[in-house]
Amino acid sequence: MATEMNVGAPPVLARERIALNAGAALLVAGLLLVVAVLPAEYGVDPLGVGRRLGLTAMSDVKKGVDAFQATRGASAGGAPTVAPQERGYQNETVDFKLAPRASIEYKYRLDKGEALLYSWKATGVVNYELHAEPDGAPRGYAESYEKVKAKDAASGTLTAPFSGIHGWYWENPSDTAVTVTLSAAGFYNMSHEFKGDAAPKTKMFP
């Protein structure tokens, strides 16, 4: 009778050992989850051990990278990084002499998405407006980008939001003649000059 009971004992002990080992494995896994995984991946550190071990720094870096990527994606707005052009870019420096109380307009032909890099300076303060006339717009219609009084220089980059002519209106408000010097580079193929009652002048670029 005793022999029969001993025969059944080992399987019971084996099952107990398996259960103990499984429980120990689960306990270790739980500790690893709380101590390492949660602080490193999610920034959750209920025991405070992860911060002391430097594991929460990994989560902080990940959050910073995610925030940076989201901000960069939003600011990019789907604009292409490279916009190939079939022709080379143009650049020129031109002077405009303005008599007292006189004005002049100078605009470049740009297609939608083309950029214009510019810098201008004057020998005295002028009033100016940077604006554009979209293709197909009614005569006399213009969209203003910038309108400033009493300034003697400005620089910047303009990316055309639509196809049309884009440029400046300068006015000399003083009783002394002023010279405006403009330097501009971009993929324009023509420019237009409007001055008083004179006929508009158009310049073609190769």
N, C-alpha and C. Protein backbone atom coordinates (compact mmCIF):
# COMPACT_ATOMS: atom_id res chain seq x y z
N MET A 1 0.82 -1.20 0.00
CA MET A 1 0.00 0.00 0.00
C MET A 1 0.86 1.25 0.00
N ALA A 2 1.93 1.25 0.85
CA ALA A 2 2.86 2.38 0.92
C ALA A 2 3.57 2.58 -0.40
N THR A 3 3.87 1.42 -1.06
CA THR A 3 4.56 1.49 -2.35
C THR A 3 3.72 2.21 -3.38
N GLU A 4 2.41 2.00 -3.41
CA GLU A 4 1.52 2.65 -4.37
C GLU A 4 1.47 4.14 -4.14
N MET A 5 1.50 4.61 -2.86
CA MET A 5 1.47 6.05 -2.58
C MET A 5 2.75 6.72 -3.05
N ASN A 6 3.92 6.05 -2.88
CA ASN A 6 5.19 6.63 -3.29
C ASN A 6 5.29 6.77 -4.80
N VAL A 7 4.66 5.84 -5.52
CA VAL A 7 4.68 5.90 -6.98
C VAL A 7 4.00 7.16 -7.48
N GLY A 8 2.93 7.62 -6.83
CA GLY A 8 2.18 8.81 -7.27
C GLY A 8 2.79 10.12 -6.80
N ALA A 9 3.76 10.13 -5.86
CA ALA A 9 4.27 11.36 -5.27
C ALA A 9 5.10 12.21 -6.24
N PRO A 10 6.06 11.62 -7.01
CA PRO A 10 6.91 12.44 -7.86
C PRO A 10 6.17 13.33 -8.84
N PRO A 11 5.15 12.89 -9.55
CA PRO A 11 4.42 13.80 -10.45
C PRO A 11 3.83 14.99 -9.73
N VAL A 12 3.36 14.80 -8.50
CA VAL A 12 2.79 15.91 -7.74
C VAL A 12 3.86 16.94 -7.43
N LEU A 13 5.05 16.45 -7.00
CA LEU A 13 6.15 17.36 -6.69
C LEU A 13 6.61 18.09 -7.96
N ALA A 14 6.64 17.40 -9.08
CA ALA A 14 7.05 18.01 -10.34
C ALA A 14 6.10 19.14 -10.74
N ARG A 15 4.80 18.88 -10.56
CA ARG A 15 3.83 19.93 -10.89
C ARG A 15 3.99 21.14 -9.98
N GLU A 16 4.30 20.89 -8.71
CA GLU A 16 4.48 21.99 -7.77
C GLU A 16 5.69 22.84 -8.17
N ARG A 17 6.79 22.11 -8.56
CA ARG A 17 7.98 22.84 -8.98
C ARG A 17 7.70 23.69 -10.22
N ILE A 18 6.97 23.11 -11.17
CA ILE A 18 6.62 23.84 -12.39
C ILE A 18 5.81 25.09 -12.06
N ALA A 19 4.85 24.91 -11.14
CA ALA A 19 4.01 26.04 -10.73
C ALA A 19 4.84 27.11 -10.04
N LEU A 20 5.79 26.67 -9.17
CA LEU A 20 6.65 27.63 -8.49
C LEU A 20 7.54 28.38 -9.48
N ASN A 21 8.11 27.62 -10.43
CA ASN A 21 8.97 28.26 -11.43
C ASN A 21 8.19 29.25 -12.28
N ALA A 22 6.98 28.84 -12.66
CA ALA A 22 6.15 29.74 -13.46
C ALA A 22 5.80 30.99 -12.68
N GLY A 23 5.46 30.82 -11.40
CA GLY A 23 5.15 31.98 -10.57
C GLY A 23 6.34 32.90 -10.41
N ALA A 24 7.54 32.28 -10.22
CA ALA A 24 8.75 33.09 -10.09
C ALA A 24 9.03 33.86 -11.38
N ALA A 25 8.81 33.21 -12.52
CA ALA A 25 9.04 33.87 -13.81
C ALA A 25 8.08 35.04 -14.00
N LEU A 26 6.83 34.82 -13.61
CA LEU A 26 5.85 35.90 -13.71
C LEU A 26 6.21 37.06 -12.80
N LEU A 27 6.70 36.72 -11.60
CA LEU A 27 7.09 37.76 -10.65
C LEU A 27 8.26 38.58 -11.20
N VAL A 28 9.26 37.88 -11.76
CA VAL A 28 10.40 38.58 -12.34
C VAL A 28 9.97 39.46 -13.51
N ALA A 29 9.10 38.91 -14.35
CA ALA A 29 8.60 39.67 -15.49
C ALA A 29 7.85 40.91 -15.03
N GLY A 30 7.04 40.75 -13.98
CA GLY A 30 6.31 41.89 -13.43
C GLY A 30 7.24 42.95 -12.89
N LEU A 31 8.29 42.50 -12.18
CA LEU A 31 9.26 43.46 -11.64
C LEU A 31 9.99 44.20 -12.76
N LEU A 32 10.37 43.46 -13.81
CA LEU A 32 11.03 44.09 -14.94
C LEU A 32 10.11 45.11 -15.61
N LEU A 33 8.83 44.75 -15.70
CA LEU A 33 7.87 45.66 -16.31
C LEU A 33 7.78 46.96 -15.51
N VAL A 34 7.68 46.83 -14.18
CA VAL A 34 7.51 48.00 -13.32
C VAL A 34 8.81 48.80 -13.21
N VAL A 35 9.94 48.09 -13.08
CA VAL A 35 11.21 48.75 -12.81
C VAL A 35 11.86 49.30 -14.09
N ALA A 36 11.75 48.56 -15.21
CA ALA A 36 12.50 48.93 -16.41
C ALA A 36 11.63 49.38 -17.58
N VAL A 37 10.66 48.53 -17.96
CA VAL A 37 9.91 48.80 -19.19
C VAL A 37 9.05 50.05 -19.07
N LEU A 38 8.25 50.15 -18.00
CA LEU A 38 7.36 51.30 -17.85
C LEU A 38 8.12 52.62 -17.78
N PRO A 39 9.20 52.72 -16.98
CA PRO A 39 9.93 53.99 -16.95
C PRO A 39 10.59 54.34 -18.28
N ALA A 40 11.17 53.33 -18.95
CA ALA A 40 11.93 53.60 -20.17
C ALA A 40 11.02 53.91 -21.35
N GLU A 41 9.93 53.15 -21.50
CA GLU A 41 9.07 53.28 -22.67
C GLU A 41 7.96 54.30 -22.49
N TYR A 42 7.40 54.39 -21.30
CA TYR A 42 6.20 55.21 -21.09
C TYR A 42 6.39 56.32 -20.07
N GLY A 43 7.54 56.37 -19.40
CA GLY A 43 7.77 57.40 -18.40
C GLY A 43 7.01 57.19 -17.11
N VAL A 44 6.49 55.99 -16.91
CA VAL A 44 5.75 55.65 -15.69
C VAL A 44 6.72 55.00 -14.72
N ASP A 45 6.89 55.59 -13.54
CA ASP A 45 7.89 55.10 -12.59
C ASP A 45 7.28 55.05 -11.18
N PRO A 46 6.40 54.07 -10.91
CA PRO A 46 5.69 54.02 -9.63
C PRO A 46 6.61 53.80 -8.43
N LEU A 47 7.74 53.12 -8.62
CA LEU A 47 8.64 52.83 -7.49
C LEU A 47 9.78 53.84 -7.38
N GLY A 48 9.96 54.68 -8.39
CA GLY A 48 11.04 55.65 -8.36
C GLY A 48 12.39 55.06 -8.70
N VAL A 49 12.45 53.76 -8.95
CA VAL A 49 13.72 53.10 -9.25
C VAL A 49 14.20 53.47 -10.65
N GLY A 50 13.26 53.59 -11.59
CA GLY A 50 13.63 53.88 -12.97
C GLY A 50 14.35 55.20 -13.10
N ARG A 51 13.91 56.23 -12.38
CA ARG A 51 14.57 57.52 -12.46
C ARG A 51 15.98 57.46 -11.87
N ARG A 52 16.11 56.72 -10.75
CA ARG A 52 17.44 56.59 -10.15
C ARG A 52 18.39 55.84 -11.06
N LEU A 53 17.85 54.93 -11.86
CA LEU A 53 18.69 54.17 -12.80
C LEU A 53 18.88 54.89 -14.14
N GLY A 54 18.21 56.02 -14.29
CA GLY A 54 18.33 56.77 -15.54
C GLY A 54 17.46 56.26 -16.65
N LEU A 55 16.50 55.40 -16.33
CA LEU A 55 15.67 54.81 -17.39
C LEU A 55 14.61 55.77 -17.89
N THR A 56 14.13 56.68 -17.03
CA THR A 56 13.10 57.61 -17.48
C THR A 56 13.65 58.60 -18.50
N ALA A 57 14.97 58.78 -18.51
CA ALA A 57 15.58 59.67 -19.50
C ALA A 57 15.31 59.17 -20.91
N MET A 58 15.26 57.85 -21.08
CA MET A 58 14.97 57.28 -22.39
C MET A 58 13.58 57.68 -22.84
N SER A 59 12.63 57.65 -21.91
CA SER A 59 11.27 58.06 -22.24
C SER A 59 11.20 59.54 -22.56
N ASP A 60 11.95 60.35 -21.79
CA ASP A 60 11.96 61.79 -22.04
C ASP A 60 12.51 62.10 -23.44
N VAL A 61 13.57 61.39 -23.83
CA VAL A 61 14.14 61.59 -25.17
C VAL A 61 13.14 61.19 -26.24
N LYS A 62 12.47 60.06 -26.03
CA LYS A 62 11.49 59.60 -27.02
C LYS A 62 10.36 60.61 -27.18
N LYS A 63 9.88 61.15 -26.05
CA LYS A 63 8.81 62.15 -26.11
C LYS A 63 9.29 63.40 -26.84
N GLY A 64 10.54 63.80 -26.56
CA GLY A 64 11.08 64.97 -27.24
C GLY A 64 11.20 64.77 -28.73
N VAL A 65 11.65 63.58 -29.14
CA VAL A 65 11.77 63.27 -30.57
C VAL A 65 10.40 63.26 -31.23
N ASP A 66 9.41 62.65 -30.57
CA ASP A 66 8.05 62.60 -31.13
C ASP A 66 7.48 64.01 -31.30
N ALA A 67 7.70 64.85 -30.28
CA ALA A 67 7.20 66.23 -30.37
C ALA A 67 7.88 66.99 -31.49
N PHE A 68 9.20 66.79 -31.62
CA PHE A 68 9.95 67.47 -32.68
C PHE A 68 9.46 67.04 -34.07
N GLN A 69 9.27 65.74 -34.25
CA GLN A 69 8.81 65.23 -35.54
C GLN A 69 7.42 65.77 -35.88
N ALA A 70 6.54 65.83 -34.86
CA ALA A 70 5.19 66.34 -35.09
C ALA A 70 5.23 67.81 -35.47
N THR A 71 6.07 68.59 -34.79
CA THR A 71 6.18 70.02 -35.08
C THR A 71 6.77 70.25 -36.46
N ARG A 72 7.80 69.48 -36.79
CA ARG A 72 8.43 69.64 -38.10
C ARG A 72 7.47 69.26 -39.22
N GLY A 73 6.68 68.19 -38.99
CA GLY A 73 5.72 67.78 -40.00
C GLY A 73 4.65 68.83 -40.22
N ALA A 74 4.21 69.47 -39.11
CA ALA A 74 3.17 70.49 -39.22
C ALA A 74 3.69 71.73 -39.92
N SER A 75 4.94 72.11 -39.61
CA SER A 75 5.49 73.32 -40.21
C SER A 75 5.84 73.13 -41.68
N ALA A 76 6.18 71.88 -42.06
CA ALA A 76 6.54 71.63 -43.45
C ALA A 76 5.37 71.86 -44.39
N GLY A 77 4.16 71.50 -43.94
CA GLY A 77 2.96 71.74 -44.72
C GLY A 77 2.94 71.05 -46.06
N GLY A 78 3.71 69.98 -46.21
CA GLY A 78 3.71 69.25 -47.45
C GLY A 78 4.54 69.89 -48.56
N ALA A 79 5.28 70.96 -48.25
CA ALA A 79 6.09 71.62 -49.27
C ALA A 79 7.28 70.75 -49.65
N PRO A 80 7.62 70.66 -50.94
CA PRO A 80 8.74 69.82 -51.35
C PRO A 80 10.06 70.40 -50.89
N THR A 81 11.01 69.53 -50.56
CA THR A 81 12.34 69.99 -50.16
C THR A 81 13.12 70.48 -51.36
N VAL A 82 12.98 69.80 -52.49
CA VAL A 82 13.68 70.18 -53.72
C VAL A 82 12.64 70.41 -54.82
N ALA A 83 12.75 71.55 -55.51
CA ALA A 83 11.84 71.87 -56.61
C ALA A 83 12.69 72.11 -57.87
N PRO A 84 12.90 71.06 -58.68
CA PRO A 84 13.75 71.20 -59.87
C PRO A 84 13.21 72.26 -60.84
N GLN A 85 14.12 72.94 -61.53
CA GLN A 85 13.76 73.95 -62.53
C GLN A 85 14.41 73.61 -63.86
N GLU A 86 13.72 73.93 -64.95
CA GLU A 86 14.25 73.63 -66.28
C GLU A 86 15.29 74.66 -66.72
N ARG A 87 15.29 75.85 -66.13
CA ARG A 87 16.24 76.89 -66.52
C ARG A 87 17.05 77.34 -65.31
N GLY A 88 18.19 77.98 -65.58
CA GLY A 88 19.02 78.48 -64.50
C GLY A 88 18.40 79.70 -63.83
N TYR A 89 18.84 79.98 -62.61
CA TYR A 89 18.30 81.12 -61.90
C TYR A 89 18.91 82.42 -62.43
N GLN A 90 18.20 83.51 -62.22
CA GLN A 90 18.65 84.83 -62.65
C GLN A 90 19.07 85.65 -61.43
N ASN A 91 19.92 86.63 -61.66
CA ASN A 91 20.22 87.59 -60.60
C ASN A 91 20.61 88.92 -61.23
N GLU A 92 20.24 89.99 -60.58
CA GLU A 92 20.54 91.32 -61.08
C GLU A 92 20.57 92.32 -59.94
N THR A 93 21.26 93.42 -60.18
CA THR A 93 21.26 94.56 -59.27
C THR A 93 20.89 95.78 -60.10
N VAL A 94 19.85 96.49 -59.69
CA VAL A 94 19.36 97.64 -60.45
C VAL A 94 19.17 98.83 -59.52
N ASP A 95 19.34 100.03 -60.08
CA ASP A 95 19.16 101.28 -59.34
C ASP A 95 17.93 102.01 -59.87
N PHE A 96 17.18 102.61 -58.94
CA PHE A 96 16.02 103.42 -59.30
C PHE A 96 16.18 104.79 -58.64
N LYS A 97 16.21 105.85 -59.46
CA LYS A 97 16.34 107.20 -58.93
C LYS A 97 14.95 107.82 -58.80
N LEU A 98 14.61 108.21 -57.59
CA LEU A 98 13.30 108.78 -57.32
C LEU A 98 13.43 110.25 -56.98
N ALA A 99 12.77 111.07 -57.78
CA ALA A 99 12.74 112.50 -57.49
C ALA A 99 11.87 112.73 -56.24
N PRO A 100 11.94 113.90 -55.65
CA PRO A 100 11.08 114.19 -54.49
C PRO A 100 9.60 113.92 -54.80
N ARG A 101 8.95 113.22 -53.92
CA ARG A 101 7.52 112.87 -54.02
C ARG A 101 7.21 111.92 -55.18
N ALA A 102 8.21 111.34 -55.80
CA ALA A 102 7.99 110.42 -56.93
C ALA A 102 7.91 108.98 -56.43
N SER A 103 7.43 108.11 -57.30
CA SER A 103 7.29 106.69 -56.94
C SER A 103 7.62 105.82 -58.14
N ILE A 104 7.82 104.52 -57.87
CA ILE A 104 8.12 103.56 -58.93
C ILE A 104 7.68 102.18 -58.47
N GLU A 105 7.32 101.31 -59.43
CA GLU A 105 7.00 99.91 -59.16
C GLU A 105 7.93 99.03 -60.00
N TYR A 106 8.38 97.95 -59.39
CA TYR A 106 9.23 96.99 -60.10
C TYR A 106 8.84 95.59 -59.66
N LYS A 107 8.47 94.75 -60.64
CA LYS A 107 7.95 93.42 -60.32
C LYS A 107 8.59 92.37 -61.23
N TYR A 108 8.67 91.14 -60.66
CA TYR A 108 9.19 90.00 -61.40
C TYR A 108 8.06 89.02 -61.69
N ARG A 109 8.17 88.38 -62.84
CA ARG A 109 7.22 87.33 -63.20
C ARG A 109 7.66 86.03 -62.52
N LEU A 110 6.81 85.48 -61.65
CA LEU A 110 7.11 84.23 -60.95
C LEU A 110 5.93 83.27 -61.09
N ASP A 111 6.24 82.00 -61.33
CA ASP A 111 5.20 80.98 -61.30
C ASP A 111 4.96 80.55 -59.86
N LYS A 112 3.85 79.92 -59.61
CA LYS A 112 3.49 79.47 -58.26
C LYS A 112 4.59 78.56 -57.69
N GLY A 113 5.00 78.84 -56.47
CA GLY A 113 6.00 78.02 -55.79
C GLY A 113 7.44 78.45 -56.03
N GLU A 114 7.68 79.37 -56.97
CA GLU A 114 9.04 79.83 -57.23
C GLU A 114 9.46 80.85 -56.17
N ALA A 115 10.74 80.83 -55.84
CA ALA A 115 11.26 81.69 -54.78
C ALA A 115 12.04 82.86 -55.36
N LEU A 116 12.00 83.96 -54.61
CA LEU A 116 12.74 85.16 -54.96
C LEU A 116 13.53 85.61 -53.73
N LEU A 117 14.84 85.69 -53.87
CA LEU A 117 15.72 86.16 -52.80
C LEU A 117 16.07 87.61 -53.11
N TYR A 118 15.84 88.52 -52.15
CA TYR A 118 16.02 89.93 -52.46
C TYR A 118 16.63 90.72 -51.30
N SER A 119 17.20 91.87 -51.67
CA SER A 119 17.72 92.82 -50.69
C SER A 119 17.75 94.18 -51.37
N TRP A 120 17.21 95.19 -50.71
CA TRP A 120 17.27 96.53 -51.28
C TRP A 120 17.62 97.55 -50.20
N LYS A 121 18.23 98.64 -50.64
CA LYS A 121 18.56 99.73 -49.72
C LYS A 121 18.38 101.05 -50.45
N ALA A 122 18.13 102.11 -49.69
CA ALA A 122 17.90 103.42 -50.27
C ALA A 122 18.81 104.44 -49.60
N THR A 123 19.09 105.52 -50.33
CA THR A 123 19.94 106.57 -49.78
C THR A 123 19.18 107.47 -48.82
N GLY A 124 17.89 107.24 -48.69
CA GLY A 124 17.05 107.95 -47.74
C GLY A 124 15.84 107.10 -47.43
N VAL A 125 15.03 107.51 -46.47
CA VAL A 125 13.87 106.69 -46.12
C VAL A 125 12.81 106.79 -47.22
N VAL A 126 12.13 105.66 -47.45
CA VAL A 126 11.05 105.59 -48.44
C VAL A 126 9.88 104.83 -47.83
N ASN A 127 8.71 105.03 -48.41
CA ASN A 127 7.55 104.20 -48.10
C ASN A 127 7.50 103.10 -49.16
N TYR A 128 7.22 101.86 -48.74
CA TYR A 128 7.20 100.80 -49.75
C TYR A 128 6.12 99.78 -49.44
N GLU A 129 5.76 99.07 -50.49
CA GLU A 129 4.80 97.96 -50.38
C GLU A 129 5.29 96.82 -51.25
N LEU A 130 5.35 95.62 -50.68
CA LEU A 130 5.67 94.40 -51.43
C LEU A 130 4.34 93.72 -51.72
N HIS A 131 4.02 93.57 -53.01
CA HIS A 131 2.70 93.04 -53.37
C HIS A 131 2.78 92.27 -54.68
N ALA A 132 1.64 91.73 -55.10
CA ALA A 132 1.62 90.92 -56.32
C ALA A 132 0.28 91.06 -57.03
N GLU A 133 0.32 90.83 -58.33
CA GLU A 133 -0.89 90.81 -59.15
C GLU A 133 -1.04 89.41 -59.74
N PRO A 134 -2.02 88.62 -59.26
CA PRO A 134 -2.19 87.24 -59.75
C PRO A 134 -2.61 87.21 -61.21
N ASP A 135 -2.21 86.16 -61.89
CA ASP A 135 -2.66 85.97 -63.27
C ASP A 135 -4.19 85.87 -63.28
N GLY A 136 -4.80 86.55 -64.24
CA GLY A 136 -6.26 86.47 -64.39
C GLY A 136 -7.04 87.38 -63.47
N ALA A 137 -6.37 88.14 -62.61
CA ALA A 137 -7.07 89.04 -61.69
C ALA A 137 -7.59 90.26 -62.45
N PRO A 138 -8.65 90.91 -61.98
CA PRO A 138 -9.15 92.13 -62.63
C PRO A 138 -8.09 93.22 -62.65
N ARG A 139 -8.15 94.09 -63.60
CA ARG A 139 -7.18 95.18 -63.74
C ARG A 139 -7.20 96.05 -62.47
N GLY A 140 -6.03 96.32 -61.95
CA GLY A 140 -5.94 97.15 -60.75
C GLY A 140 -5.95 96.37 -59.45
N TYR A 141 -6.21 95.05 -59.52
CA TYR A 141 -6.25 94.22 -58.31
C TYR A 141 -4.84 93.80 -57.90
N ALA A 142 -4.55 93.84 -56.60
CA ALA A 142 -3.25 93.41 -56.10
C ALA A 142 -3.41 92.85 -54.69
N GLU A 143 -2.53 91.92 -54.34
CA GLU A 143 -2.49 91.36 -53.00
C GLU A 143 -1.22 91.82 -52.31
N SER A 144 -1.37 92.45 -51.14
CA SER A 144 -0.23 93.02 -50.44
C SER A 144 0.38 92.01 -49.47
N TYR A 145 1.71 91.91 -49.50
CA TYR A 145 2.45 91.07 -48.56
C TYR A 145 2.98 91.88 -47.39
N GLU A 146 3.41 93.09 -47.68
CA GLU A 146 4.08 93.91 -46.68
C GLU A 146 3.94 95.38 -47.07
N LYS A 147 3.62 96.22 -46.09
CA LYS A 147 3.46 97.65 -46.35
C LYS A 147 4.08 98.42 -45.19
N VAL A 148 5.14 99.19 -45.48
CA VAL A 148 5.92 99.84 -44.43
C VAL A 148 6.22 101.28 -44.83
N LYS A 149 6.23 102.16 -43.83
CA LYS A 149 6.59 103.56 -44.06
C LYS A 149 7.97 103.87 -43.47
N ALA A 150 8.63 104.84 -44.07
CA ALA A 150 9.88 105.41 -43.56
C ALA A 150 10.93 104.34 -43.24
N LYS A 151 11.37 103.64 -44.28
CA LYS A 151 12.41 102.63 -44.11
C LYS A 151 13.43 102.78 -45.23
N ASP A 152 14.70 102.45 -44.95
CA ASP A 152 15.73 102.63 -45.97
C ASP A 152 16.36 101.32 -46.44
N ALA A 153 15.86 100.16 -45.98
CA ALA A 153 16.41 98.88 -46.43
C ALA A 153 15.48 97.75 -46.02
N ALA A 154 15.55 96.64 -46.77
CA ALA A 154 14.79 95.43 -46.44
C ALA A 154 15.40 94.26 -47.19
N SER A 155 15.31 93.08 -46.61
CA SER A 155 15.81 91.85 -47.24
C SER A 155 14.86 90.71 -46.90
N GLY A 156 14.85 89.68 -47.73
CA GLY A 156 13.99 88.54 -47.43
C GLY A 156 13.91 87.55 -48.58
N THR A 157 13.03 86.59 -48.41
CA THR A 157 12.74 85.59 -49.44
C THR A 157 11.24 85.52 -49.65
N LEU A 158 10.83 85.60 -50.88
CA LEU A 158 9.42 85.50 -51.23
C LEU A 158 9.20 84.20 -52.01
N THR A 159 8.25 83.38 -51.57
CA THR A 159 7.84 82.20 -52.32
C THR A 159 6.45 82.47 -52.86
N ALA A 160 6.33 82.52 -54.18
CA ALA A 160 5.08 82.94 -54.81
C ALA A 160 3.93 81.99 -54.47
N PRO A 161 2.86 82.48 -53.84
CA PRO A 161 1.71 81.62 -53.54
C PRO A 161 0.83 81.36 -54.76
N PHE A 162 1.08 82.12 -55.83
CA PHE A 162 0.33 81.95 -57.08
C PHE A 162 1.18 82.51 -58.21
N SER A 163 0.82 82.18 -59.43
CA SER A 163 1.54 82.71 -60.60
C SER A 163 1.10 84.14 -60.85
N GLY A 164 2.07 84.99 -61.19
CA GLY A 164 1.76 86.40 -61.44
C GLY A 164 3.02 87.22 -61.38
N ILE A 165 2.86 88.54 -61.23
CA ILE A 165 4.01 89.43 -61.09
C ILE A 165 4.08 89.89 -59.63
N HIS A 166 5.29 89.83 -59.08
CA HIS A 166 5.51 90.06 -57.66
C HIS A 166 6.64 91.08 -57.50
N GLY A 167 6.44 92.09 -56.68
CA GLY A 167 7.49 93.08 -56.51
C GLY A 167 7.11 94.23 -55.61
N TRP A 168 7.72 95.39 -55.85
CA TRP A 168 7.69 96.49 -54.90
C TRP A 168 7.11 97.76 -55.52
N TYR A 169 6.56 98.57 -54.63
CA TYR A 169 6.19 99.95 -54.92
C TYR A 169 6.97 100.79 -53.92
N TRP A 170 7.83 101.67 -54.42
CA TRP A 170 8.60 102.57 -53.55
C TRP A 170 8.13 104.00 -53.78
N GLU A 171 8.00 104.76 -52.71
CA GLU A 171 7.60 106.16 -52.79
C GLU A 171 8.59 107.01 -51.99
N ASN A 172 9.06 108.07 -52.59
CA ASN A 172 9.96 109.01 -51.91
C ASN A 172 9.12 110.12 -51.29
N PRO A 173 8.96 110.12 -49.96
CA PRO A 173 8.12 111.14 -49.33
C PRO A 173 8.86 112.45 -49.03
N SER A 174 10.14 112.49 -49.33
CA SER A 174 10.96 113.65 -48.93
C SER A 174 11.07 114.68 -50.06
N ASP A 175 11.76 115.78 -49.75
CA ASP A 175 12.00 116.83 -50.73
C ASP A 175 13.37 116.69 -51.38
N THR A 176 14.03 115.54 -51.14
CA THR A 176 15.35 115.27 -51.69
C THR A 176 15.31 113.99 -52.53
N ALA A 177 16.02 113.97 -53.64
CA ALA A 177 16.06 112.78 -54.49
C ALA A 177 16.66 111.60 -53.73
N VAL A 178 16.15 110.42 -54.01
CA VAL A 178 16.58 109.19 -53.34
C VAL A 178 16.87 108.13 -54.40
N THR A 179 17.91 107.33 -54.17
CA THR A 179 18.21 106.20 -55.06
C THR A 179 17.96 104.90 -54.31
N VAL A 180 17.17 104.02 -54.91
CA VAL A 180 16.90 102.69 -54.36
C VAL A 180 17.71 101.67 -55.16
N THR A 181 18.49 100.85 -54.48
CA THR A 181 19.28 99.80 -55.14
C THR A 181 18.73 98.44 -54.75
N LEU A 182 18.31 97.69 -55.75
CA LEU A 182 17.70 96.36 -55.53
C LEU A 182 18.61 95.27 -56.07
N SER A 183 18.84 94.23 -55.26
CA SER A 183 19.52 93.01 -55.71
C SER A 183 18.55 91.86 -55.53
N ALA A 184 18.35 91.09 -56.60
CA ALA A 184 17.36 90.01 -56.54
C ALA A 184 17.86 88.80 -57.34
N ALA A 185 17.54 87.62 -56.83
CA ALA A 185 17.90 86.38 -57.52
C ALA A 185 16.72 85.43 -57.44
N GLY A 186 16.50 84.68 -58.51
CA GLY A 186 15.39 83.74 -58.53
C GLY A 186 15.20 83.17 -59.92
N PHE A 187 14.09 82.46 -60.11
CA PHE A 187 13.81 81.81 -61.38
C PHE A 187 12.80 82.61 -62.21
N TYR A 188 12.86 83.93 -62.09
CA TYR A 188 12.01 84.79 -62.90
C TYR A 188 12.53 84.82 -64.34
N ASN A 189 11.64 85.12 -65.28
CA ASN A 189 12.06 85.21 -66.68
C ASN A 189 11.79 86.58 -67.28
N MET A 190 11.16 87.47 -66.49
CA MET A 190 10.95 88.84 -66.96
C MET A 190 10.66 89.75 -65.78
N SER A 191 10.84 91.05 -66.02
CA SER A 191 10.51 92.04 -64.99
C SER A 191 9.71 93.16 -65.65
N HIS A 192 8.96 93.90 -64.82
CA HIS A 192 8.13 95.00 -65.32
C HIS A 192 8.39 96.23 -64.45
N GLU A 193 8.60 97.37 -65.12
CA GLU A 193 8.82 98.63 -64.41
C GLU A 193 7.69 99.60 -64.74
N PHE A 194 7.08 100.16 -63.71
CA PHE A 194 5.99 101.12 -63.86
C PHE A 194 6.41 102.42 -63.14
N LYS A 195 6.45 103.53 -63.90
CA LYS A 195 6.89 104.79 -63.31
C LYS A 195 6.06 105.94 -63.85
N GLY A 196 5.24 106.49 -62.98
CA GLY A 196 4.41 107.64 -63.35
C GLY A 196 3.56 107.37 -64.57
N ASP A 197 3.56 108.35 -65.48
CA ASP A 197 2.77 108.24 -66.70
C ASP A 197 3.55 107.60 -67.85
N ALA A 198 4.79 107.23 -67.60
CA ALA A 198 5.61 106.62 -68.65
C ALA A 198 5.08 105.23 -69.00
N ALA A 199 5.35 104.82 -70.22
CA ALA A 199 4.93 103.47 -70.64
C ALA A 199 5.68 102.42 -69.85
N PRO A 200 5.00 101.35 -69.45
CA PRO A 200 5.69 100.27 -68.68
C PRO A 200 6.87 99.71 -69.47
N LYS A 201 7.93 99.36 -68.75
CA LYS A 201 9.10 98.75 -69.36
C LYS A 201 9.16 97.28 -68.96
N THR A 202 9.37 96.42 -69.94
CA THR A 202 9.49 94.98 -69.69
C THR A 202 10.88 94.51 -70.09
N LYS A 203 11.52 93.78 -69.18
CA LYS A 203 12.86 93.24 -69.44
C LYS A 203 12.76 91.72 -69.47
N MET A 204 13.29 91.10 -70.51
CA MET A 204 13.29 89.65 -70.63
C MET A 204 14.64 89.11 -70.17
N PHE A 205 14.60 87.95 -69.50
CA PHE A 205 15.82 87.28 -69.03
C PHE A 205 15.95 85.96 -69.79
N PRO A 206 17.17 85.58 -70.14
CA PRO A 206 17.37 84.33 -70.92
C PRO A 206 17.02 83.09 -70.09
